[in-house]
Amino acid sequence: MRVLIPSPLQSYTAGARRVTASGETLRMLLDDLDRRFPGIRFRMIDEQDNVRPHMMIYVRGERTRNLNTALADHEEVVIMQALSGG
């Protein structure tokens, strides 16, 4: 399935905005991404296995924080990162 990567995480994907990954659940997809792009999962998921507050993950156009969200092969997962500044 296609995964859209936000600009701040593209350093892990050699600058790629879109990558492919597989997994039956969002958790498995993120694990696959981390195998291919070491360290990327930790930027999105904290030590308690929760989506970090500044990360937004969309599946089927809806935001989810549930890592057990089921995925199909044809899905597109969009990962976004909130930016702050002042």
Protein backbone atom coordinates (compact mmCIF):
# COMPACT_ATOMS: atom_id res chain seq x y z
CA MET A 1 0.00 0.00 0.00
CA ARG A 2 1.03 3.60 -0.45
CA VAL A 3 2.17 5.67 2.49
CA LEU A 4 2.54 9.44 2.29
CA ILE A 5 5.43 10.67 4.40
CA PRO A 6 5.53 14.22 5.84
CA SER A 7 8.49 16.47 5.03
CA PRO A 8 10.05 16.26 8.53
CA LEU A 9 10.32 12.45 8.21
CA GLN A 10 11.58 12.32 4.64
CA SER A 11 15.17 12.27 5.86
CA TYR A 12 14.45 8.64 6.84
CA THR A 13 13.12 7.78 3.37
CA ALA A 14 15.96 9.37 1.38
CA GLY A 15 13.66 12.24 0.50
CA ALA A 16 10.79 10.09 -0.79
CA ARG A 17 7.32 11.60 -0.27
CA ARG A 18 5.58 8.32 -1.07
CA VAL A 19 6.75 4.87 -0.12
CA THR A 20 5.18 1.44 -0.14
CA ALA A 21 4.75 -0.76 2.90
CA SER A 22 2.66 -3.71 3.94
CA GLY A 23 0.77 -4.84 7.00
CA GLU A 24 -2.63 -6.14 8.02
CA THR A 25 -2.89 -3.44 10.71
CA LEU A 26 -1.49 0.04 11.17
CA ARG A 27 0.92 -1.37 13.78
CA MET A 28 2.25 -3.92 11.28
CA LEU A 29 2.54 -1.24 8.60
CA LEU A 30 4.61 0.99 10.91
CA ASP A 31 6.80 -1.99 11.83
CA ASP A 32 7.38 -2.65 8.12
CA LEU A 33 8.26 1.01 7.57
CA ASP A 34 10.74 0.82 10.44
CA ARG A 35 12.40 -2.28 8.96
CA ARG A 36 12.85 -0.43 5.67
CA PHE A 37 13.62 2.98 7.20
CA PRO A 38 15.20 2.41 10.64
CA GLY A 39 14.17 4.92 13.30
CA ILE A 40 11.09 6.31 11.55
CA ARG A 41 8.61 4.50 13.82
CA PHE A 42 10.07 6.05 16.99
CA ARG A 43 9.42 9.51 15.55
CA MET A 44 5.72 8.61 15.28
CA ILE A 45 5.11 6.20 18.19
CA ASP A 46 6.19 6.76 21.80
CA GLU A 47 7.60 4.34 24.38
CA GLN A 48 4.08 3.41 25.56
CA ASP A 49 3.17 2.33 22.00
CA ASN A 50 0.90 5.36 21.43
CA VAL A 51 0.83 7.72 18.48
CA ARG A 52 2.78 10.82 19.49
CA PRO A 53 0.53 13.88 20.08
CA HIS A 54 2.00 15.85 17.17
CA MET A 55 1.50 13.01 14.67
CA MET A 56 -1.68 12.51 12.66
CA ILE A 57 -2.35 9.30 10.76
CA TYR A 58 -5.21 8.99 8.29
CA VAL A 59 -6.65 5.73 6.97
CA ARG A 60 -9.56 5.84 4.52
CA GLY A 61 -9.60 9.62 4.97
CA GLU A 62 -10.22 9.42 8.72
CA ARG A 63 -7.77 10.24 11.47
CA THR A 64 -6.89 7.31 13.70
CA ARG A 65 -4.71 6.79 16.73
CA ASN A 66 -5.60 3.09 16.95
CA LEU A 67 -2.61 0.96 15.94
CA ASN A 68 -4.93 -2.03 15.54
CA THR A 69 -6.80 -0.36 12.65
CA ALA A 70 -7.18 -3.00 9.93
CA LEU A 71 -5.70 -2.24 6.51
CA ALA A 72 -6.29 -3.61 3.04
CA ASP A 73 -3.65 -3.89 0.29
CA HIS A 74 -5.17 -1.04 -1.72
CA GLU A 75 -5.21 1.46 1.17
CA GLU A 76 -3.42 4.77 1.20
CA VAL A 77 -2.12 5.82 4.61
CA VAL A 78 -1.36 9.50 5.08
CA ILE A 79 1.01 10.52 7.85
CA MET A 80 1.11 14.17 8.85
CA GLN A 81 3.09 16.01 11.48
CA ALA A 82 1.85 19.14 13.22
CA LEU A 83 4.37 21.94 13.18
CA SER A 84 4.70 24.59 15.81
CA GLY A 85 6.68 27.70 16.13
CA GLY A 86 6.39 31.26 17.12
